[in-house]
Every structure is written in structure tokens, then in C-alpha cells.
Amino acid sequence: MRDLAGALKFFSSLPIPAPGGDFRQSLRLAPLAGAMLGLAGGLVFVAALRLRLPAGAAALLALGFGALITRGLHEDGLADVADGFGGGFTRQRKLDIMKDSRIGAFGAIVLILSLGLRASALAALATAPASAFLVMIAAGAVSRAAALAPLVLLPPARADGAGRAAGGENAGLRPAFWLALPFAFLPALGASSLSACLAALVAASGGVLGLCALARAQIGGQTGDVAGAAQQIAEIAVLLTFSAAA
């Protein structure tokens, strides 16, 4: 329970008291925390559909609620990565741009794409609300495990920051990837097939591995922003795969 509280406190703005203990240890339960956050967004989506709101509006409300309870943590990381990788010409300049709280053209464009892709994918799943609910739980769990992948696979690009604090060989993050697997196949309990679940997992993994390769080439490692971008890429991949299968 202490680790779960720590994971939820890190990934959300929920009023959870500081649990104490090793912060890095709590990230092992990132998929469970992500599943709970996905469940919350799924409830908003299903409730909006029950109120007969258009599928697109229901999807945007669910995503907006998710961004609210996570403080836009992952969206901010995605925007910073897009600005840094797109706007900097040297490694240090890229890192400086990523640390700047202001958003640039690359970040704004990527945020619009992220929101649009996720909203359109959710809207396509609206004909089967119960199945969409399970998909959102799976997406929440898998994408939070994906956020840890750069921390495990890449060295820190900075001497400080969240990436430095959470990453490393001894961080004990690997159990999170095994914990994410049952959630990845949760949609099979609804209208989704096992092949769709496997395809979503492969798509999310491929997207995150591609980001890790890009981050290594651009800045020589990972930062907290790269972890946030990994979450967004994985969530987009999962939702798009299930919407295509539907």
C-alpha cells in the first residue's frame, strides 16, 4: 500500500500524504497506479456516453479529466521533448530547451496531435462502452510501465532531475513490466481479441523503443521529459490499435 501510494502521488495530483520509503521502489507499481487512473478516465467516458453526449465530446472530457488529475505531467514531457529535439542543434541546447517551461511550435503541434489521435481513437470505441472502459484501464497501465522503459534502458542525460532520481540499474523498475502484462490483456474480457491485445502491446513497445533510440541519439540518454513522452506514445499506440481492431 505504501508503494501504491507513492506511485499514485508521483503520477497524479491526488491528495495523497507522502508515504515515505524509497521513492524508486514505489515505481514498481506504476502499472497498477496507471490502471487506476485509466479506470477514472474510463468512468468519465462511460458516464458521458450514458448522458448521450457525442462520442467525440465524451472522449475529450475523459482525456481532459485524465490530464487534470495527472497535472498534465506526461503531456508536458511530450511537448518538452518535441521542442528540444526539434528546436535544438546541440545536445546542451536541446537539454536547455527541454528544461524551459515555455512551449514552442513543435510542442504545441505534438500536443494537438496527441490529443486528437487519442480522442478519435476513443470515439471509435464508443459503440461498445464496456469494451472501451477496459481498453482505457489497459492503456493506463501499459503506458505507465512504458514511462519507466527509458529509465531502465538509457543512462541519465543530466546530473540532476527526475530521470536521474528514478532511473538506474538498481532502481528495481523491471517488475513493473511484468505487472503490466495482465492489464495489457484485460480488454480480452470484453469485445477485444487476444490478437488485438498482443498487437497493442507490440505497438506500444515498438514506439517506446523508437523513442529511446531517438533520445540516445539526440541527448545521449533519458530525462523525466523522455519518460513522459514514452507514456504518451504508448497510450496513443494502445488506443489506436484497439480502435483499428474495432
C-alpha atoms as a PDB file:
ATOM      1  CA  MET A   1       0.000   0.000   0.000  1.00  0.00           C
ATOM      2  CA  ARG A   2       2.906   2.355   0.721  1.00  0.00           C
ATOM      3  CA  ASP A   3       4.381   1.714  -2.727  1.00  0.00           C
ATOM      4  CA  LEU A   4       0.988   2.174  -4.399  1.00  0.00           C
ATOM      5  CA  ALA A   5       0.502   5.472  -2.579  1.00  0.00           C
ATOM      6  CA  GLY A   6       3.947   6.580  -3.715  1.00  0.00           C
ATOM      7  CA  ALA A   7       3.227   5.656  -7.344  1.00  0.00           C
ATOM      8  CA  LEU A   8      -0.128   7.438  -7.305  1.00  0.00           C
ATOM      9  CA  LYS A   9       1.405  10.516  -5.711  1.00  0.00           C
ATOM     10  CA  PHE A  10       4.067  10.631  -8.422  1.00  0.00           C
ATOM     11  CA  PHE A  11       1.715  10.108 -11.377  1.00  0.00           C
ATOM     12  CA  SER A  12      -1.199  12.246 -10.176  1.00  0.00           C
ATOM     13  CA  SER A  13      -2.208  15.310  -8.189  1.00  0.00           C
ATOM     14  CA  LEU A  14      -4.492  13.323  -5.886  1.00  0.00           C
ATOM     15  CA  PRO A  15      -4.291  14.476  -2.245  1.00  0.00           C
ATOM     16  CA  ILE A  16      -2.236  11.522  -1.029  1.00  0.00           C
ATOM     17  CA  PRO A  17       0.024  12.026   2.009  1.00  0.00           C
ATOM     18  CA  ALA A  18       3.716  11.396   1.427  1.00  0.00           C
ATOM     19  CA  PRO A  19       4.071   7.649   2.053  1.00  0.00           C
ATOM     20  CA  GLY A  20       7.755   7.655   2.975  1.00  0.00           C
ATOM     21  CA  GLY A  21      10.115   4.859   1.989  1.00  0.00           C
ATOM     22  CA  ASP A  22      12.141   4.571  -1.210  1.00  0.00           C
ATOM     23  CA  PHE A  23      10.595   6.640  -3.999  1.00  0.00           C
ATOM     24  CA  ARG A  24      12.162   4.461  -6.681  1.00  0.00           C
ATOM     25  CA  GLN A  25      10.781   1.327  -5.061  1.00  0.00           C
ATOM     26  CA  SER A  26       7.218   2.607  -5.358  1.00  0.00           C
ATOM     27  CA  LEU A  27       7.543   2.918  -9.134  1.00  0.00           C
ATOM     28  CA  ARG A  28       7.369  -0.870  -9.387  1.00  0.00           C
ATOM     29  CA  LEU A  29       3.618  -0.399  -9.004  1.00  0.00           C
ATOM     30  CA  ALA A  30       3.387   2.204 -11.771  1.00  0.00           C
ATOM     31  CA  PRO A  31       1.149  -0.084 -13.919  1.00  0.00           C
ATOM     32  CA  LEU A  32      -1.317  -0.521 -11.048  1.00  0.00           C
ATOM     33  CA  ALA A  33      -1.389   3.232 -10.452  1.00  0.00           C
ATOM     34  CA  GLY A  34      -1.851   3.744 -14.197  1.00  0.00           C
ATOM     35  CA  ALA A  35      -4.695   1.239 -14.287  1.00  0.00           C
ATOM     36  CA  MET A  36      -6.471   3.180 -11.531  1.00  0.00           C
ATOM     37  CA  LEU A  37      -6.005   6.447 -13.407  1.00  0.00           C
ATOM     38  CA  GLY A  38      -7.258   4.799 -16.605  1.00  0.00           C
ATOM     39  CA  LEU A  39     -10.252   3.492 -14.693  1.00  0.00           C
ATOM     40  CA  ALA A  40     -11.076   7.027 -13.525  1.00  0.00           C
ATOM     41  CA  GLY A  41     -10.944   8.343 -17.094  1.00  0.00           C
ATOM     42  CA  GLY A  42     -12.988   5.371 -18.277  1.00  0.00           C
ATOM     43  CA  LEU A  43     -15.732   6.164 -15.783  1.00  0.00           C
ATOM     44  CA  VAL A  44     -15.931   9.722 -17.121  1.00  0.00           C
ATOM     45  CA  PHE A  45     -16.082   8.409 -20.709  1.00  0.00           C
ATOM     46  CA  VAL A  46     -18.843   5.901 -19.981  1.00  0.00           C
ATOM     47  CA  ALA A  47     -20.827   8.427 -17.917  1.00  0.00           C
ATOM     48  CA  ALA A  48     -20.649  10.980 -20.735  1.00  0.00           C
ATOM     49  CA  LEU A  49     -21.888   8.389 -23.223  1.00  0.00           C
ATOM     50  CA  ARG A  50     -24.737   7.467 -20.860  1.00  0.00           C
ATOM     51  CA  LEU A  51     -25.726  11.125 -20.873  1.00  0.00           C
ATOM     52  CA  ARG A  52     -25.960  10.811 -24.676  1.00  0.00           C
ATOM     53  CA  LEU A  53     -23.122  13.210 -25.362  1.00  0.00           C
ATOM     54  CA  PRO A  54     -21.433  12.829 -28.765  1.00  0.00           C
ATOM     55  CA  ALA A  55     -18.613  10.277 -28.784  1.00  0.00           C
ATOM     56  CA  GLY A  56     -16.029  12.959 -29.563  1.00  0.00           C
ATOM     57  CA  ALA A  57     -17.164  15.130 -26.667  1.00  0.00           C
ATOM     58  CA  ALA A  58     -17.137  12.155 -24.302  1.00  0.00           C
ATOM     59  CA  ALA A  59     -13.605  11.291 -25.384  1.00  0.00           C
ATOM     60  CA  LEU A  60     -12.354  14.851 -24.876  1.00  0.00           C
ATOM     61  CA  LEU A  61     -13.965  15.051 -21.427  1.00  0.00           C
ATOM     62  CA  ALA A  62     -12.312  11.776 -20.410  1.00  0.00           C
ATOM     63  CA  LEU A  63      -8.903  12.903 -21.648  1.00  0.00           C
ATOM     64  CA  GLY A  64      -9.331  16.315 -20.050  1.00  0.00           C
ATOM     65  CA  PHE A  65     -10.188  14.711 -16.729  1.00  0.00           C
ATOM     66  CA  GLY A  66      -7.148  12.465 -17.031  1.00  0.00           C
ATOM     67  CA  ALA A  67      -4.885  15.452 -17.686  1.00  0.00           C
ATOM     68  CA  LEU A  68      -6.426  17.249 -14.707  1.00  0.00           C
ATOM     69  CA  ILE A  69      -5.701  14.501 -12.188  1.00  0.00           C
ATOM     70  CA  THR A  70      -2.183  13.925 -13.550  1.00  0.00           C
ATOM     71  CA  ARG A  71      -1.317  17.651 -13.696  1.00  0.00           C
ATOM     72  CA  GLY A  72      -0.621  17.218 -17.411  1.00  0.00           C
ATOM     73  CA  LEU A  73       2.622  15.547 -16.333  1.00  0.00           C
ATOM     74  CA  HIS A  74       3.065  13.349 -19.396  1.00  0.00           C
ATOM     75  CA  GLU A  75       1.733  15.889 -21.884  1.00  0.00           C
ATOM     76  CA  ASP A  76       4.276  18.374 -20.558  1.00  0.00           C
ATOM     77  CA  GLY A  77       7.069  15.843 -21.088  1.00  0.00           C
ATOM     78  CA  LEU A  78       5.952  15.127 -24.634  1.00  0.00           C
ATOM     79  CA  ALA A  79       5.845  18.828 -25.500  1.00  0.00           C
ATOM     80  CA  ASP A  80       9.285  19.460 -23.971  1.00  0.00           C
ATOM     81  CA  VAL A  81      10.818  16.564 -25.905  1.00  0.00           C
ATOM     82  CA  ALA A  82       9.301  17.798 -29.174  1.00  0.00           C
ATOM     83  CA  ASP A  83      10.582  21.331 -28.576  1.00  0.00           C
ATOM     84  CA  GLY A  84      14.038  20.183 -27.512  1.00  0.00           C
ATOM     85  CA  PHE A  85      14.615  17.595 -30.202  1.00  0.00           C
ATOM     86  CA  GLY A  86      13.074  19.772 -32.884  1.00  0.00           C
ATOM     87  CA  GLY A  87      14.489  23.147 -31.910  1.00  0.00           C
ATOM     88  CA  GLY A  88      17.982  22.469 -30.593  1.00  0.00           C
ATOM     89  CA  PHE A  89      21.122  21.996 -32.687  1.00  0.00           C
ATOM     90  CA  THR A  90      23.457  20.761 -29.947  1.00  0.00           C
ATOM     91  CA  ARG A  91      22.978  18.316 -27.097  1.00  0.00           C
ATOM     92  CA  GLN A  92      23.217  21.018 -24.440  1.00  0.00           C
ATOM     93  CA  ARG A  93      20.860  23.327 -26.312  1.00  0.00           C
ATOM     94  CA  LYS A  94      18.293  20.543 -26.589  1.00  0.00           C
ATOM     95  CA  LEU A  95      18.514  19.913 -22.836  1.00  0.00           C
ATOM     96  CA  ASP A  96      18.188  23.641 -22.102  1.00  0.00           C
ATOM     97  CA  ILE A  97      15.053  23.897 -24.264  1.00  0.00           C
ATOM     98  CA  MET A  98      13.536  20.840 -22.575  1.00  0.00           C
ATOM     99  CA  LYS A  99      14.076  22.453 -19.170  1.00  0.00           C
ATOM    100  CA  ASP A 100      12.370  25.686 -20.274  1.00  0.00           C
ATOM    101  CA  SER A 101       8.751  25.794 -19.050  1.00  0.00           C
ATOM    102  CA  ARG A 102       7.609  27.708 -22.128  1.00  0.00           C
ATOM    103  CA  ILE A 103       6.074  25.798 -25.024  1.00  0.00           C
ATOM    104  CA  GLY A 104       7.189  26.226 -28.624  1.00  0.00           C
ATOM    105  CA  ALA A 105       5.715  25.421 -32.007  1.00  0.00           C
ATOM    106  CA  PHE A 106       6.943  21.812 -32.045  1.00  0.00           C
ATOM    107  CA  GLY A 107       5.496  21.152 -28.591  1.00  0.00           C
ATOM    108  CA  ALA A 108       2.133  22.720 -29.438  1.00  0.00           C
ATOM    109  CA  ILE A 109       1.803  20.735 -32.661  1.00  0.00           C
ATOM    110  CA  VAL A 110       2.693  17.442 -30.970  1.00  0.00           C
ATOM    111  CA  LEU A 111       0.221  18.084 -28.129  1.00  0.00           C
ATOM    112  CA  ILE A 112      -2.570  18.727 -30.647  1.00  0.00           C
ATOM    113  CA  LEU A 113      -1.670  15.504 -32.449  1.00  0.00           C
ATOM    114  CA  SER A 114      -1.591  13.523 -29.199  1.00  0.00           C
ATOM    115  CA  LEU A 115      -4.951  14.801 -28.025  1.00  0.00           C
ATOM    116  CA  GLY A 116      -6.518  14.412 -31.460  1.00  0.00           C
ATOM    117  CA  LEU A 117      -5.287  10.862 -32.008  1.00  0.00           C
ATOM    118  CA  ARG A 118      -6.379   9.683 -28.559  1.00  0.00           C
ATOM    119  CA  ALA A 119      -9.767  11.392 -28.795  1.00  0.00           C
ATOM    120  CA  SER A 120     -10.510   9.990 -32.249  1.00  0.00           C
ATOM    121  CA  ALA A 121      -9.462   6.515 -31.132  1.00  0.00           C
ATOM    122  CA  LEU A 122     -11.723   6.657 -28.077  1.00  0.00           C
ATOM    123  CA  ALA A 123     -14.609   7.976 -30.157  1.00  0.00           C
ATOM    124  CA  ALA A 124     -14.240   4.958 -32.454  1.00  0.00           C
ATOM    125  CA  LEU A 125     -14.641   2.694 -29.417  1.00  0.00           C
ATOM    126  CA  ALA A 126     -17.791   4.429 -28.203  1.00  0.00           C
ATOM    127  CA  THR A 127     -20.130   1.869 -29.790  1.00  0.00           C
ATOM    128  CA  ALA A 128     -19.024  -0.621 -27.119  1.00  0.00           C
ATOM    129  CA  PRO A 129     -18.650   1.422 -23.899  1.00  0.00           C
ATOM    130  CA  ALA A 130     -17.820  -1.564 -21.678  1.00  0.00           C
ATOM    131  CA  SER A 131     -15.026  -2.618 -24.013  1.00  0.00           C
ATOM    132  CA  ALA A 132     -13.745   0.967 -24.223  1.00  0.00           C
ATOM    133  CA  PHE A 133     -13.679   1.084 -20.421  1.00  0.00           C
ATOM    134  CA  LEU A 134     -11.387  -1.974 -20.291  1.00  0.00           C
ATOM    135  CA  VAL A 135      -9.187  -0.540 -23.037  1.00  0.00           C
ATOM    136  CA  MET A 136      -8.694   2.668 -21.066  1.00  0.00           C
ATOM    137  CA  ILE A 137      -7.613   0.689 -17.994  1.00  0.00           C
ATOM    138  CA  ALA A 138      -5.167  -1.300 -20.133  1.00  0.00           C
ATOM    139  CA  ALA A 139      -3.830   1.855 -21.783  1.00  0.00           C
ATOM    140  CA  GLY A 140      -3.293   3.478 -18.389  1.00  0.00           C
ATOM    141  CA  ALA A 141      -1.343   0.500 -17.060  1.00  0.00           C
ATOM    142  CA  VAL A 142       0.752  -0.249 -20.141  1.00  0.00           C
ATOM    143  CA  SER A 143       1.647   3.393 -20.739  1.00  0.00           C
ATOM    144  CA  ARG A 144       2.860   3.908 -17.157  1.00  0.00           C
ATOM    145  CA  ALA A 145       5.094   0.868 -17.480  1.00  0.00           C
ATOM    146  CA  ALA A 146       6.296   2.325 -20.783  1.00  0.00           C
ATOM    147  CA  ALA A 147       7.217   5.551 -18.972  1.00  0.00           C
ATOM    148  CA  LEU A 148       9.741   3.547 -16.973  1.00  0.00           C
ATOM    149  CA  ALA A 149      11.392   1.988 -20.038  1.00  0.00           C
ATOM    150  CA  PRO A 150      13.718   4.952 -20.790  1.00  0.00           C
ATOM    151  CA  LEU A 151      14.759   4.992 -17.122  1.00  0.00           C
ATOM    152  CA  VAL A 152      15.855   1.352 -17.389  1.00  0.00           C
ATOM    153  CA  LEU A 153      17.264   1.321 -20.911  1.00  0.00           C
ATOM    154  CA  LEU A 154      19.111   4.655 -21.008  1.00  0.00           C
ATOM    155  CA  PRO A 155      21.605   6.461 -18.781  1.00  0.00           C
ATOM    156  CA  PRO A 156      20.565   9.819 -17.309  1.00  0.00           C
ATOM    157  CA  ALA A 157      21.241  12.702 -19.685  1.00  0.00           C
ATOM    158  CA  ARG A 158      21.556  15.168 -16.783  1.00  0.00           C
ATOM    159  CA  ALA A 159      23.306  15.088 -13.438  1.00  0.00           C
ATOM    160  CA  ASP A 160      20.029  16.039 -11.734  1.00  0.00           C
ATOM    161  CA  GLY A 161      16.279  15.847 -12.352  1.00  0.00           C
ATOM    162  CA  ALA A 162      13.565  13.184 -12.184  1.00  0.00           C
ATOM    163  CA  GLY A 163      15.263  10.935 -14.727  1.00  0.00           C
ATOM    164  CA  ARG A 164      18.409  10.826 -12.611  1.00  0.00           C
ATOM    165  CA  ALA A 165      16.469  10.235  -9.379  1.00  0.00           C
ATOM    166  CA  ALA A 166      14.193   7.489 -10.688  1.00  0.00           C
ATOM    167  CA  GLY A 167      16.421   5.658 -13.161  1.00  0.00           C
ATOM    168  CA  GLY A 168      19.403   3.386 -12.878  1.00  0.00           C
ATOM    169  CA  GLU A 169      20.232  -0.269 -12.805  1.00  0.00           C
ATOM    170  CA  ASN A 170      19.405  -0.646  -9.122  1.00  0.00           C
ATOM    171  CA  ALA A 171      16.069   1.139  -9.241  1.00  0.00           C
ATOM    172  CA  GLY A 172      14.077  -2.117  -9.192  1.00  0.00           C
ATOM    173  CA  LEU A 173      11.829  -0.995 -12.022  1.00  0.00           C
ATOM    174  CA  ARG A 174      11.794  -4.217 -14.036  1.00  0.00           C
ATOM    175  CA  PRO A 175       8.948  -5.889 -12.041  1.00  0.00           C
ATOM    176  CA  ALA A 176       6.671  -3.134 -13.377  1.00  0.00           C
ATOM    177  CA  PHE A 177       6.869  -4.579 -16.893  1.00  0.00           C
ATOM    178  CA  TRP A 178       5.665  -7.981 -15.697  1.00  0.00           C
ATOM    179  CA  LEU A 179       2.881  -6.337 -13.699  1.00  0.00           C
ATOM    180  CA  ALA A 180       1.681  -4.544 -16.833  1.00  0.00           C
ATOM    181  CA  LEU A 181       1.153  -7.785 -18.789  1.00  0.00           C
ATOM    182  CA  PRO A 182      -2.146  -8.890 -17.163  1.00  0.00           C
ATOM    183  CA  PHE A 183      -3.569  -5.409 -17.693  1.00  0.00           C
ATOM    184  CA  ALA A 184      -2.478  -5.485 -21.350  1.00  0.00           C
ATOM    185  CA  PHE A 185      -4.774  -8.471 -21.952  1.00  0.00           C
ATOM    186  CA  LEU A 186      -7.662  -7.127 -19.835  1.00  0.00           C
ATOM    187  CA  PRO A 187      -9.639  -5.942 -22.931  1.00  0.00           C
ATOM    188  CA  ALA A 188      -9.925  -9.598 -23.982  1.00  0.00           C
ATOM    189  CA  LEU A 189     -12.561  -9.910 -21.226  1.00  0.00           C
ATOM    190  CA  GLY A 190     -14.702  -7.582 -23.324  1.00  0.00           C
ATOM    191  CA  ALA A 191     -15.181  -7.413 -27.074  1.00  0.00           C
ATOM    192  CA  SER A 192     -11.470  -7.294 -27.973  1.00  0.00           C
ATOM    193  CA  SER A 193      -9.499 -10.266 -29.244  1.00  0.00           C
ATOM    194  CA  LEU A 194      -6.266 -11.645 -27.829  1.00  0.00           C
ATOM    195  CA  SER A 195      -4.554 -10.747 -31.094  1.00  0.00           C
ATOM    196  CA  ALA A 196      -5.614  -7.108 -30.667  1.00  0.00           C
ATOM    197  CA  CYS A 197      -4.207  -7.120 -27.125  1.00  0.00           C
ATOM    198  CA  LEU A 198      -0.916  -8.535 -28.350  1.00  0.00           C
ATOM    199  CA  ALA A 199      -0.787  -6.071 -31.252  1.00  0.00           C
ATOM    200  CA  ALA A 200      -1.363  -3.160 -28.858  1.00  0.00           C
ATOM    201  CA  LEU A 201       1.466  -4.377 -26.639  1.00  0.00           C
ATOM    202  CA  VAL A 202       3.818  -4.733 -29.615  1.00  0.00           C
ATOM    203  CA  ALA A 203       2.859  -1.299 -30.973  1.00  0.00           C
ATOM    204  CA  ALA A 204       3.444   0.377 -27.602  1.00  0.00           C
ATOM    205  CA  SER A 205       6.771  -1.409 -27.149  1.00  0.00           C
ATOM    206  CA  GLY A 206       7.931  -0.506 -30.646  1.00  0.00           C
ATOM    207  CA  GLY A 207       7.018   3.133 -30.209  1.00  0.00           C
ATOM    208  CA  VAL A 208       8.843   3.415 -26.897  1.00  0.00           C
ATOM    209  CA  LEU A 209      11.940   1.615 -28.166  1.00  0.00           C
ATOM    210  CA  GLY A 210      11.996   4.007 -31.113  1.00  0.00           C
ATOM    211  CA  LEU A 211      11.804   6.963 -28.727  1.00  0.00           C
ATOM    212  CA  CYS A 212      14.640   5.522 -26.634  1.00  0.00           C
ATOM    213  CA  ALA A 213      16.824   5.210 -29.741  1.00  0.00           C
ATOM    214  CA  LEU A 214      15.997   8.787 -30.702  1.00  0.00           C
ATOM    215  CA  ALA A 215      16.722  10.086 -27.187  1.00  0.00           C
ATOM    216  CA  ARG A 216      20.080   8.317 -27.147  1.00  0.00           C
ATOM    217  CA  ALA A 217      20.985   9.921 -30.470  1.00  0.00           C
ATOM    218  CA  GLN A 218      19.684  13.392 -29.557  1.00  0.00           C
ATOM    219  CA  ILE A 219      20.752  13.890 -25.936  1.00  0.00           C
ATOM    220  CA  GLY A 220      22.714  10.768 -25.025  1.00  0.00           C
ATOM    221  CA  GLY A 221      20.195   9.368 -22.552  1.00  0.00           C
ATOM    222  CA  GLN A 222      16.935   9.944 -20.715  1.00  0.00           C
ATOM    223  CA  THR A 223      15.252  12.657 -18.672  1.00  0.00           C
ATOM    224  CA  GLY A 224      11.907  12.869 -16.914  1.00  0.00           C
ATOM    225  CA  ASP A 225      10.532  14.502 -20.064  1.00  0.00           C
ATOM    226  CA  VAL A 226      11.548  11.486 -22.151  1.00  0.00           C
ATOM    227  CA  ALA A 227       9.718   9.250 -19.679  1.00  0.00           C
ATOM    228  CA  GLY A 228       6.599  11.420 -20.055  1.00  0.00           C
ATOM    229  CA  ALA A 229       6.847  11.266 -23.840  1.00  0.00           C
ATOM    230  CA  ALA A 230       7.145   7.473 -23.636  1.00  0.00           C
ATOM    231  CA  GLN A 231       3.876   7.335 -21.700  1.00  0.00           C
ATOM    232  CA  GLN A 232       2.089   9.409 -24.309  1.00  0.00           C
ATOM    233  CA  ILE A 233       3.446   7.381 -27.234  1.00  0.00           C
ATOM    234  CA  ALA A 234       2.444   4.101 -25.587  1.00  0.00           C
ATOM    235  CA  GLU A 235      -1.050   5.343 -24.734  1.00  0.00           C
ATOM    236  CA  ILE A 236      -1.590   6.561 -28.297  1.00  0.00           C
ATOM    237  CA  ALA A 237      -0.352   3.228 -29.668  1.00  0.00           C
ATOM    238  CA  VAL A 238      -2.679   1.182 -27.446  1.00  0.00           C
ATOM    239  CA  LEU A 239      -5.765   3.265 -28.151  1.00  0.00           C
ATOM    240  CA  LEU A 240      -5.136   3.400 -31.915  1.00  0.00           C
ATOM    241  CA  THR A 241      -4.570  -0.344 -32.115  1.00  0.00           C
ATOM    242  CA  PHE A 242      -7.811  -1.210 -30.355  1.00  0.00           C
ATOM    243  CA  SER A 243      -9.777   1.366 -32.357  1.00  0.00           C
ATOM    244  CA  ALA A 244      -8.387  -0.116 -35.588  1.00  0.00           C
ATOM    245  CA  ALA A 245      -9.322  -3.611 -34.430  1.00  0.00           C
ATOM    246  CA  ALA A 246     -12.802  -2.435 -33.547  1.00  0.00           C
END
